[in-house]
Amino acid sequence: MAVSRHLAIHGRVQGVFYRGWAVETARALGLSGWVRNRRDGSVEAVVTGDAAAVADFVARCHGGPPAARVDRVDVTETAPATAAGFEQRPTE
C-alpha cells in the first residue's frame, strides 16, 4: 500500500550534500517525490511509495549524509507526490 509523507529536516542540513543524498536514497528505495532547501535553513521533502520503504527513508533522514547534523525531523501525512521519480527542486 502506497503512503505519502511530508518531512521537514532541521539542523545543519544545507551545504552538506543532504539533498543529493536524499535523492540517491529515495531512488534506491524506489520512492517518488521531491526534496528542496528552505530559506529558513531546513530541508523539505515529500515522499510517496510502499509503506515500508517510506518508513526506511524517514528513519535514514534522522542521520543523513556524513557531514550533516540532524536536530529533528518533523513528519506528517500528506497527499501523494505528483513527481514521476524523485527530484531535487529549487530552494523555496
PDB file of N, CA and C in Angstrom:
ATOM      1  N   MET A   1       0.839  -1.187   0.000  1.00  0.00           N
ATOM      2  CA  MET A   1       0.000   0.000   0.000  1.00  0.00           C
ATOM      3  C   MET A   1       0.884   1.251   0.000  1.00  0.00           C
ATOM      4  N   ALA A   2       0.597   2.165  -0.908  1.00  0.00           N
ATOM      5  CA  ALA A   2       1.395   3.389  -1.011  1.00  0.00           C
ATOM      6  C   ALA A   2       0.966   4.403   0.044  1.00  0.00           C
ATOM      7  N   VAL A   3       1.960   5.069   0.606  1.00  0.00           N
ATOM      8  CA  VAL A   3       1.730   6.143   1.573  1.00  0.00           C
ATOM      9  C   VAL A   3       2.579   7.336   1.165  1.00  0.00           C
ATOM     10  N   SER A   4       2.223   8.506   1.685  1.00  0.00           N
ATOM     11  CA  SER A   4       2.982   9.731   1.406  1.00  0.00           C
ATOM     12  C   SER A   4       3.262  10.455   2.710  1.00  0.00           C
ATOM     13  N   ARG A   5       4.468  11.010   2.794  1.00  0.00           N
ATOM     14  CA  ARG A   5       4.869  11.755   3.986  1.00  0.00           C
ATOM     15  C   ARG A   5       5.567  13.049   3.577  1.00  0.00           C
ATOM     16  N   HIS A   6       5.298  14.097   4.344  1.00  0.00           N
ATOM     17  CA  HIS A   6       5.990  15.376   4.214  1.00  0.00           C
ATOM     18  C   HIS A   6       7.005  15.434   5.340  1.00  0.00           C
ATOM     19  N   LEU A   7       8.249  15.774   5.016  1.00  0.00           N
ATOM     20  CA  LEU A   7       9.309  15.856   6.019  1.00  0.00           C
ATOM     21  C   LEU A   7       9.888  17.259   6.047  1.00  0.00           C
ATOM     22  N   ALA A   8      10.145  17.757   7.238  1.00  0.00           N
ATOM     23  CA  ALA A   8      10.895  18.993   7.449  1.00  0.00           C
ATOM     24  C   ALA A   8      12.094  18.606   8.301  1.00  0.00           C
ATOM     25  N   ILE A   9      13.291  18.710   7.716  1.00  0.00           N
ATOM     26  CA  ILE A   9      14.516  18.259   8.377  1.00  0.00           C
ATOM     27  C   ILE A   9      15.276  19.489   8.855  1.00  0.00           C
ATOM     28  N   HIS A  10      15.586  19.532  10.148  1.00  0.00           N
ATOM     29  CA  HIS A  10      16.217  20.700  10.767  1.00  0.00           C
ATOM     30  C   HIS A  10      17.590  20.341  11.318  1.00  0.00           C
ATOM     31  N   GLY A  11      18.472  21.325  11.333  1.00  0.00           N
ATOM     32  CA  GLY A  11      19.832  21.147  11.836  1.00  0.00           C
ATOM     33  C   GLY A  11      20.813  21.716  10.830  1.00  0.00           C
ATOM     34  N   ARG A  12      22.030  21.166  10.788  1.00  0.00           N
ATOM     35  CA  ARG A  12      22.995  21.560   9.755  1.00  0.00           C
ATOM     36  C   ARG A  12      22.751  20.639   8.569  1.00  0.00           C
ATOM     37  N   VAL A  13      21.806  21.038   7.713  1.00  0.00           N
ATOM     38  CA  VAL A  13      21.370  20.179   6.619  1.00  0.00           C
ATOM     39  C   VAL A  13      21.499  20.846   5.248  1.00  0.00           C
ATOM     40  N   GLN A  14      21.994  22.081   5.208  1.00  0.00           N
ATOM     41  CA  GLN A  14      22.260  22.734   3.928  1.00  0.00           C
ATOM     42  C   GLN A  14      23.764  22.891   3.765  1.00  0.00           C
ATOM     43  N   GLY A  15      24.232  22.726   2.532  1.00  0.00           N
ATOM     44  CA  GLY A  15      25.660  22.829   2.253  1.00  0.00           C
ATOM     45  C   GLY A  15      26.439  21.589   2.653  1.00  0.00           C
ATOM     46  N   VAL A  16      25.733  20.479   2.886  1.00  0.00           N
ATOM     47  CA  VAL A  16      26.383  19.233   3.320  1.00  0.00           C
ATOM     48  C   VAL A  16      25.959  18.044   2.452  1.00  0.00           C
ATOM     49  N   PHE A  17      25.445  18.312   1.239  1.00  0.00           N
ATOM     50  CA  PHE A  17      25.012  17.290   0.286  1.00  0.00           C
ATOM     51  C   PHE A  17      23.753  16.553   0.759  1.00  0.00           C
ATOM     52  N   TYR A  18      22.937  17.182   1.620  1.00  0.00           N
ATOM     53  CA  TYR A  18      21.743  16.497   2.124  1.00  0.00           C
ATOM     54  C   TYR A  18      20.751  16.219   1.000  1.00  0.00           C
ATOM     55  N   ARG A  19      20.484  17.202   0.141  1.00  0.00           N
ATOM     56  CA  ARG A  19      19.513  16.980  -0.941  1.00  0.00           C
ATOM     57  C   ARG A  19      19.987  15.895  -1.896  1.00  0.00           C
ATOM     58  N   GLY A  20      21.253  15.936  -2.278  1.00  0.00           N
ATOM     59  CA  GLY A  20      21.785  14.902  -3.165  1.00  0.00           C
ATOM     60  C   GLY A  20      21.704  13.527  -2.537  1.00  0.00           C
ATOM     61  N   TRP A  21      22.016  13.452  -1.250  1.00  0.00           N
ATOM     62  CA  TRP A  21      21.918  12.197  -0.513  1.00  0.00           C
ATOM     63  C   TRP A  21      20.469  11.709  -0.488  1.00  0.00           C
ATOM     64  N   ALA A  22      19.524  12.638  -0.265  1.00  0.00           N
ATOM     65  CA  ALA A  22      18.110  12.270  -0.216  1.00  0.00           C
ATOM     66  C   ALA A  22      17.633  11.728  -1.558  1.00  0.00           C
ATOM     67  N   VAL A  23      18.064  12.356  -2.652  1.00  0.00           N
ATOM     68  CA  VAL A  23      17.692  11.879  -3.987  1.00  0.00           C
ATOM     69  C   VAL A  23      18.219  10.462  -4.201  1.00  0.00           C
ATOM     70  N   GLU A  24      19.491  10.245  -3.914  1.00  0.00           N
ATOM     71  CA  GLU A  24      20.084   8.913  -4.088  1.00  0.00           C
ATOM     72  C   GLU A  24      19.380   7.873  -3.224  1.00  0.00           C
ATOM     73  N   THR A  25      19.106   8.220  -1.980  1.00  0.00           N
ATOM     74  CA  THR A  25      18.470   7.289  -1.046  1.00  0.00           C
ATOM     75  C   THR A  25      17.051   6.959  -1.488  1.00  0.00           C
ATOM     76  N   ALA A  26      16.273   7.977  -1.847  1.00  0.00           N
ATOM     77  CA  ALA A  26      14.887   7.757  -2.269  1.00  0.00           C
ATOM     78  C   ALA A  26      14.824   6.917  -3.538  1.00  0.00           C
ATOM     79  N   ARG A  27      15.686   7.208  -4.496  1.00  0.00           N
ATOM     80  CA  ARG A  27      15.687   6.426  -5.741  1.00  0.00           C
ATOM     81  C   ARG A  27      16.070   4.980  -5.477  1.00  0.00           C
ATOM     82  N   ALA A  28      17.033   4.753  -4.593  1.00  0.00           N
ATOM     83  CA  ALA A  28      17.446   3.389  -4.258  1.00  0.00           C
ATOM     84  C   ALA A  28      16.306   2.611  -3.608  1.00  0.00           C
ATOM     85  N   LEU A  29      15.427   3.314  -2.904  1.00  0.00           N
ATOM     86  CA  LEU A  29      14.288   2.669  -2.240  1.00  0.00           C
ATOM     87  C   LEU A  29      13.049   2.602  -3.135  1.00  0.00           C
ATOM     88  N   GLY A  30      13.143   3.140  -4.359  1.00  0.00           N
ATOM     89  CA  GLY A  30      12.019   3.098  -5.292  1.00  0.00           C
ATOM     90  C   GLY A  30      10.912   4.091  -4.972  1.00  0.00           C
ATOM     91  N   LEU A  31      11.250   5.192  -4.326  1.00  0.00           N
ATOM     92  CA  LEU A  31      10.254   6.187  -3.933  1.00  0.00           C
ATOM     93  C   LEU A  31      10.122   7.282  -4.981  1.00  0.00           C
ATOM     94  N   SER A  32       8.983   7.935  -4.995  1.00  0.00           N
ATOM     95  CA  SER A  32       8.804   9.120  -5.829  1.00  0.00           C
ATOM     96  C   SER A  32       8.622  10.319  -4.912  1.00  0.00           C
ATOM     97  N   GLY A  33       8.824  11.507  -5.481  1.00  0.00           N
ATOM     98  CA  GLY A  33       8.662  12.727  -4.699  1.00  0.00           C
ATOM     99  C   GLY A  33       9.715  13.749  -5.022  1.00  0.00           C
ATOM    100  N   TRP A  34      10.035  14.575  -4.031  1.00  0.00           N
ATOM    101  CA  TRP A  34      10.981  15.669  -4.251  1.00  0.00           C
ATOM    102  C   TRP A  34      11.609  16.108  -2.938  1.00  0.00           C
ATOM    103  N   VAL A  35      12.701  16.883  -3.073  1.00  0.00           N
ATOM    104  CA  VAL A  35      13.405  17.457  -1.921  1.00  0.00           C
ATOM    105  C   VAL A  35      13.888  18.844  -2.318  1.00  0.00           C
ATOM    106  N   ARG A  36      13.906  19.779  -1.360  1.00  0.00           N
ATOM    107  CA  ARG A  36      14.408  21.129  -1.634  1.00  0.00           C
ATOM    108  C   ARG A  36      14.883  21.783  -0.339  1.00  0.00           C
ATOM    109  N   ASN A  37      15.771  22.762  -0.502  1.00  0.00           N
ATOM    110  CA  ASN A  37      16.174  23.609   0.619  1.00  0.00           C
ATOM    111  C   ASN A  37      15.074  24.623   0.885  1.00  0.00           C
ATOM    112  N   ARG A  38      14.952  25.020   2.143  1.00  0.00           N
ATOM    113  CA  ARG A  38      14.047  26.097   2.531  1.00  0.00           C
ATOM    114  C   ARG A  38      14.889  27.298   2.960  1.00  0.00           C
ATOM    115  N   ARG A  39      14.365  28.475   2.781  1.00  0.00           N
ATOM    116  CA  ARG A  39      15.106  29.687   3.131  1.00  0.00           C
ATOM    117  C   ARG A  39      15.408  29.783   4.625  1.00  0.00           C
ATOM    118  N   ASP A  40      14.667  29.050   5.455  1.00  0.00           N
ATOM    119  CA  ASP A  40      14.911  29.084   6.902  1.00  0.00           C
ATOM    120  C   ASP A  40      16.055  28.169   7.331  1.00  0.00           C
ATOM    121  N   GLY A  41      16.722  27.518   6.360  1.00  0.00           N
ATOM    122  CA  GLY A  41      17.858  26.650   6.668  1.00  0.00           C
ATOM    123  C   GLY A  41      17.517  25.187   6.791  1.00  0.00           C
ATOM    124  N   SER A  42      16.240  24.852   6.686  1.00  0.00           N
ATOM    125  CA  SER A  42      15.828  23.449   6.762  1.00  0.00           C
ATOM    126  C   SER A  42      15.792  22.834   5.366  1.00  0.00           C
ATOM    127  N   VAL A  43      15.550  21.542   5.317  1.00  0.00           N
ATOM    128  CA  VAL A  43      15.329  20.821   4.069  1.00  0.00           C
ATOM    129  C   VAL A  43      13.927  20.234   4.146  1.00  0.00           C
ATOM    130  N   GLU A  44      13.195  20.327   3.042  1.00  0.00           N
ATOM    131  CA  GLU A  44      11.822  19.833   2.968  1.00  0.00           C
ATOM    132  C   GLU A  44      11.753  18.731   1.923  1.00  0.00           C
ATOM    133  N   ALA A  45      10.964  17.698   2.190  1.00  0.00           N
ATOM    134  CA  ALA A  45      10.805  16.610   1.232  1.00  0.00           C
ATOM    135  C   ALA A  45       9.389  16.060   1.300  1.00  0.00           C
ATOM    136  N   VAL A  46       8.925  15.539   0.173  1.00  0.00           N
ATOM    137  CA  VAL A  46       7.689  14.766   0.108  1.00  0.00           C
ATOM    138  C   VAL A  46       8.046  13.449  -0.559  1.00  0.00           C
ATOM    139  N   VAL A  47       7.686  12.341   0.088  1.00  0.00           N
ATOM    140  CA  VAL A  47       7.989  11.015  -0.449  1.00  0.00           C
ATOM    141  C   VAL A  47       6.715  10.191  -0.534  1.00  0.00           C
ATOM    142  N   THR A  48       6.615   9.405  -1.610  1.00  0.00           N
ATOM    143  CA  THR A  48       5.479   8.521  -1.825  1.00  0.00           C
ATOM    144  C   THR A  48       6.006   7.165  -2.246  1.00  0.00           C
ATOM    145  N   GLY A  49       5.412   6.114  -1.689  1.00  0.00           N
ATOM    146  CA  GLY A  49       5.799   4.763  -2.070  1.00  0.00           C
ATOM    147  C   GLY A  49       5.293   3.738  -1.080  1.00  0.00           C
ATOM    148  N   ASP A  50       5.830   2.547  -1.193  1.00  0.00           N
ATOM    149  CA  ASP A  50       5.494   1.455  -0.289  1.00  0.00           C
ATOM    150  C   ASP A  50       5.722   1.897   1.159  1.00  0.00           C
ATOM    151  N   ALA A  51       4.810   1.536   2.043  1.00  0.00           N
ATOM    152  CA  ALA A  51       4.878   1.987   3.436  1.00  0.00           C
ATOM    153  C   ALA A  51       6.207   1.642   4.095  1.00  0.00           C
ATOM    154  N   ALA A  52       6.717   0.449   3.856  1.00  0.00           N
ATOM    155  CA  ALA A  52       7.982   0.040   4.476  1.00  0.00           C
ATOM    156  C   ALA A  52       9.146   0.864   3.940  1.00  0.00           C
ATOM    157  N   ALA A  53       9.147   1.149   2.630  1.00  0.00           N
ATOM    158  CA  ALA A  53      10.229   1.940   2.034  1.00  0.00           C
ATOM    159  C   ALA A  53      10.174   3.384   2.526  1.00  0.00           C
ATOM    160  N   VAL A  54       8.982   3.936   2.656  1.00  0.00           N
ATOM    161  CA  VAL A  54       8.843   5.303   3.172  1.00  0.00           C
ATOM    162  C   VAL A  54       9.335   5.364   4.617  1.00  0.00           C
ATOM    163  N   ALA A  55       8.964   4.375   5.421  1.00  0.00           N
ATOM    164  CA  ALA A  55       9.424   4.339   6.815  1.00  0.00           C
ATOM    165  C   ALA A  55      10.945   4.231   6.884  1.00  0.00           C
ATOM    166  N   ASP A  56      11.543   3.450   5.995  1.00  0.00           N
ATOM    167  CA  ASP A  56      13.002   3.314   5.939  1.00  0.00           C
ATOM    168  C   ASP A  56      13.640   4.657   5.583  1.00  0.00           C
ATOM    169  N   PHE A  57      13.083   5.348   4.590  1.00  0.00           N
ATOM    170  CA  PHE A  57      13.604   6.657   4.188  1.00  0.00           C
ATOM    171  C   PHE A  57      13.543   7.641   5.355  1.00  0.00           C
ATOM    172  N   VAL A  58      12.400   7.696   6.025  1.00  0.00           N
ATOM    173  CA  VAL A  58      12.240   8.610   7.165  1.00  0.00           C
ATOM    174  C   VAL A  58      13.281   8.302   8.235  1.00  0.00           C
ATOM    175  N   ALA A  59      13.480   7.029   8.529  1.00  0.00           N
ATOM    176  CA  ALA A  59      14.472   6.642   9.542  1.00  0.00           C
ATOM    177  C   ALA A  59      15.872   7.088   9.133  1.00  0.00           C
ATOM    178  N   ARG A  60      16.214   6.918   7.858  1.00  0.00           N
ATOM    179  CA  ARG A  60      17.540   7.320   7.378  1.00  0.00           C
ATOM    180  C   ARG A  60      17.726   8.833   7.412  1.00  0.00           C
ATOM    181  N   CYS A  61      16.638   9.586   7.253  1.00  0.00           N
ATOM    182  CA  CYS A  61      16.721  11.052   7.269  1.00  0.00           C
ATOM    183  C   CYS A  61      17.159  11.586   8.623  1.00  0.00           C
ATOM    184  N   HIS A  62      16.988  10.820   9.679  1.00  0.00           N
ATOM    185  CA  HIS A  62      17.437  11.253  11.006  1.00  0.00           C
ATOM    186  C   HIS A  62      18.961  11.288  11.093  1.00  0.00           C
ATOM    187  N   GLY A  63      19.635  10.589  10.180  1.00  0.00           N
ATOM    188  CA  GLY A  63      21.097  10.609  10.135  1.00  0.00           C
ATOM    189  C   GLY A  63      21.619  11.461   8.998  1.00  0.00           C
ATOM    190  N   GLY A  64      21.090  11.225   7.795  1.00  0.00           N
ATOM    191  CA  GLY A  64      21.522  11.974   6.622  1.00  0.00           C
ATOM    192  C   GLY A  64      22.938  11.625   6.209  1.00  0.00           C
ATOM    193  N   PRO A  65      23.538  12.457   5.347  1.00  0.00           N
ATOM    194  CA  PRO A  65      24.909  12.216   4.901  1.00  0.00           C
ATOM    195  C   PRO A  65      25.902  12.504   6.030  1.00  0.00           C
ATOM    196  N   PRO A  66      27.145  12.048   5.884  1.00  0.00           N
ATOM    197  CA  PRO A  66      28.126  12.173   6.980  1.00  0.00           C
ATOM    198  C   PRO A  66      28.335  13.587   7.522  1.00  0.00           C
ATOM    199  N   ALA A  67      28.304  14.613   6.672  1.00  0.00           N
ATOM    200  CA  ALA A  67      28.588  15.976   7.130  1.00  0.00           C
ATOM    201  C   ALA A  67      27.386  16.657   7.790  1.00  0.00           C
ATOM    202  N   ALA A  68      26.214  16.044   7.713  1.00  0.00           N
ATOM    203  CA  ALA A  68      25.011  16.656   8.283  1.00  0.00           C
ATOM    204  C   ALA A  68      24.955  16.463   9.798  1.00  0.00           C
ATOM    205  N   ARG A  69      24.238  17.374  10.436  1.00  0.00           N
ATOM    206  CA  ARG A  69      23.878  17.213  11.846  1.00  0.00           C
ATOM    207  C   ARG A  69      22.379  17.462  11.925  1.00  0.00           C
ATOM    208  N   VAL A  70      21.623  16.389  12.024  1.00  0.00           N
ATOM    209  CA  VAL A  70      20.166  16.492  12.045  1.00  0.00           C
ATOM    210  C   VAL A  70      19.705  16.653  13.491  1.00  0.00           C
ATOM    211  N   ASP A  71      19.021  17.764  13.762  1.00  0.00           N
ATOM    212  CA  ASP A  71      18.486  18.012  15.097  1.00  0.00           C
ATOM    213  C   ASP A  71      17.107  17.394  15.269  1.00  0.00           C
ATOM    214  N   ARG A  72      16.280  17.498  14.215  1.00  0.00           N
ATOM    215  CA  ARG A  72      14.958  16.873  14.287  1.00  0.00           C
ATOM    216  C   ARG A  72      14.378  16.722  12.891  1.00  0.00           C
ATOM    217  N   VAL A  73      13.454  15.769  12.766  1.00  0.00           N
ATOM    218  CA  VAL A  73      12.723  15.542  11.524  1.00  0.00           C
ATOM    219  C   VAL A  73      11.238  15.552  11.875  1.00  0.00           C
ATOM    220  N   ASP A  74      10.509  16.524  11.339  1.00  0.00           N
ATOM    221  CA  ASP A  74       9.060  16.597  11.534  1.00  0.00           C
ATOM    222  C   ASP A  74       8.399  15.861  10.378  1.00  0.00           C
ATOM    223  N   VAL A  75       7.535  14.903  10.684  1.00  0.00           N
ATOM    224  CA  VAL A  75       6.909  14.064   9.662  1.00  0.00           C
ATOM    225  C   VAL A  75       5.394  14.154   9.792  1.00  0.00           C
ATOM    226  N   THR A  76       4.718  14.415   8.659  1.00  0.00           N
ATOM    227  CA  THR A  76       3.258  14.439   8.633  1.00  0.00           C
ATOM    228  C   THR A  76       2.766  13.691   7.407  1.00  0.00           C
ATOM    229  N   GLU A  77       1.533  13.168   7.482  1.00  0.00           N
ATOM    230  CA  GLU A  77       0.912  12.558   6.310  1.00  0.00           C
ATOM    231  C   GLU A  77       0.585  13.667   5.325  1.00  0.00           C
ATOM    232  N   THR A  78       0.611  13.335   4.035  1.00  0.00           N
ATOM    233  CA  THR A  78       0.342  14.341   3.010  1.00  0.00           C
ATOM    234  C   THR A  78      -0.238  13.673   1.775  1.00  0.00           C
ATOM    235  N   ALA A  79      -0.678  14.485   0.821  1.00  0.00           N
ATOM    236  CA  ALA A  79      -1.158  13.973  -0.458  1.00  0.00           C
ATOM    237  C   ALA A  79       0.022  13.381  -1.227  1.00  0.00           C
ATOM    238  N   PRO A  80      -0.238  12.404  -2.088  1.00  0.00           N
ATOM    239  CA  PRO A  80       0.854  11.788  -2.860  1.00  0.00           C
ATOM    240  C   PRO A  80       1.625  12.807  -3.690  1.00  0.00           C
ATOM    241  N   ALA A  81       2.920  12.572  -3.818  1.00  0.00           N
ATOM    242  CA  ALA A  81       3.771  13.413  -4.663  1.00  0.00           C
ATOM    243  C   ALA A  81       3.341  13.251  -6.112  1.00  0.00           C
ATOM    244  N   THR A  82       3.357  14.348  -6.864  1.00  0.00           N
ATOM    245  CA  THR A  82       2.960  14.290  -8.270  1.00  0.00           C
ATOM    246  C   THR A  82       4.144  14.048  -9.192  1.00  0.00           C
ATOM    247  N   ALA A  83       5.350  14.129  -8.668  1.00  0.00           N
ATOM    248  CA  ALA A  83       6.551  13.932  -9.488  1.00  0.00           C
ATOM    249  C   ALA A  83       6.698  12.463  -9.861  1.00  0.00           C
ATOM    250  N   ALA A  84       7.127  12.228 -11.092  1.00  0.00           N
ATOM    251  CA  ALA A  84       7.488  10.873 -11.504  1.00  0.00           C
ATOM    252  C   ALA A  84       8.946  10.687 -11.124  1.00  0.00           C
ATOM    253  N   GLY A  85       9.241   9.672 -10.348  1.00  0.00           N
ATOM    254  CA  GLY A  85      10.598   9.512  -9.854  1.00  0.00           C
ATOM    255  C   GLY A  85      10.820  10.438  -8.672  1.00  0.00           C
ATOM    256  N   PHE A  86      12.088  10.697  -8.357  1.00  0.00           N
ATOM    257  CA  PHE A  86      12.408  11.562  -7.219  1.00  0.00           C
ATOM    258  C   PHE A  86      13.335  12.652  -7.710  1.00  0.00           C
ATOM    259  N   GLU A  87      12.978  13.918  -7.439  1.00  0.00           N
ATOM    260  CA  GLU A  87      13.721  15.042  -7.991  1.00  0.00           C
ATOM    261  C   GLU A  87      14.147  16.037  -6.922  1.00  0.00           C
ATOM    262  N   GLN A  88      15.163  16.801  -7.270  1.00  0.00           N
ATOM    263  CA  GLN A  88      15.621  17.903  -6.431  1.00  0.00           C
ATOM    264  C   GLN A  88      15.028  19.179  -6.993  1.00  0.00           C
ATOM    265  N   ARG A  89      14.328  19.926  -6.161  1.00  0.00           N
ATOM    266  CA  ARG A  89      13.683  21.165  -6.592  1.00  0.00           C
ATOM    267  C   ARG A  89      14.469  22.383  -6.114  1.00  0.00           C
ATOM    268  N   PRO A  90      14.205  23.546  -6.739  1.00  0.00           N
ATOM    269  CA  PRO A  90      14.875  24.780  -6.313  1.00  0.00           C
ATOM    270  C   PRO A  90      14.450  25.189  -4.900  1.00  0.00           C
ATOM    271  N   THR A  91      15.292  25.968  -4.263  1.00  0.00           N
ATOM    272  CA  THR A  91      15.004  26.498  -2.927  1.00  0.00           C
ATOM    273  C   THR A  91      13.710  27.298  -2.940  1.00  0.00           C
ATOM    274  N   GLU A  92      12.936  27.166  -1.874  1.00  0.00           N
ATOM    275  CA  GLU A  92      11.709  27.961  -1.738  1.00  0.00           C
ATOM    276  C   GLU A  92      11.648  28.570  -0.363  1.00  0.00           C
TER     277      GLU A  92
END
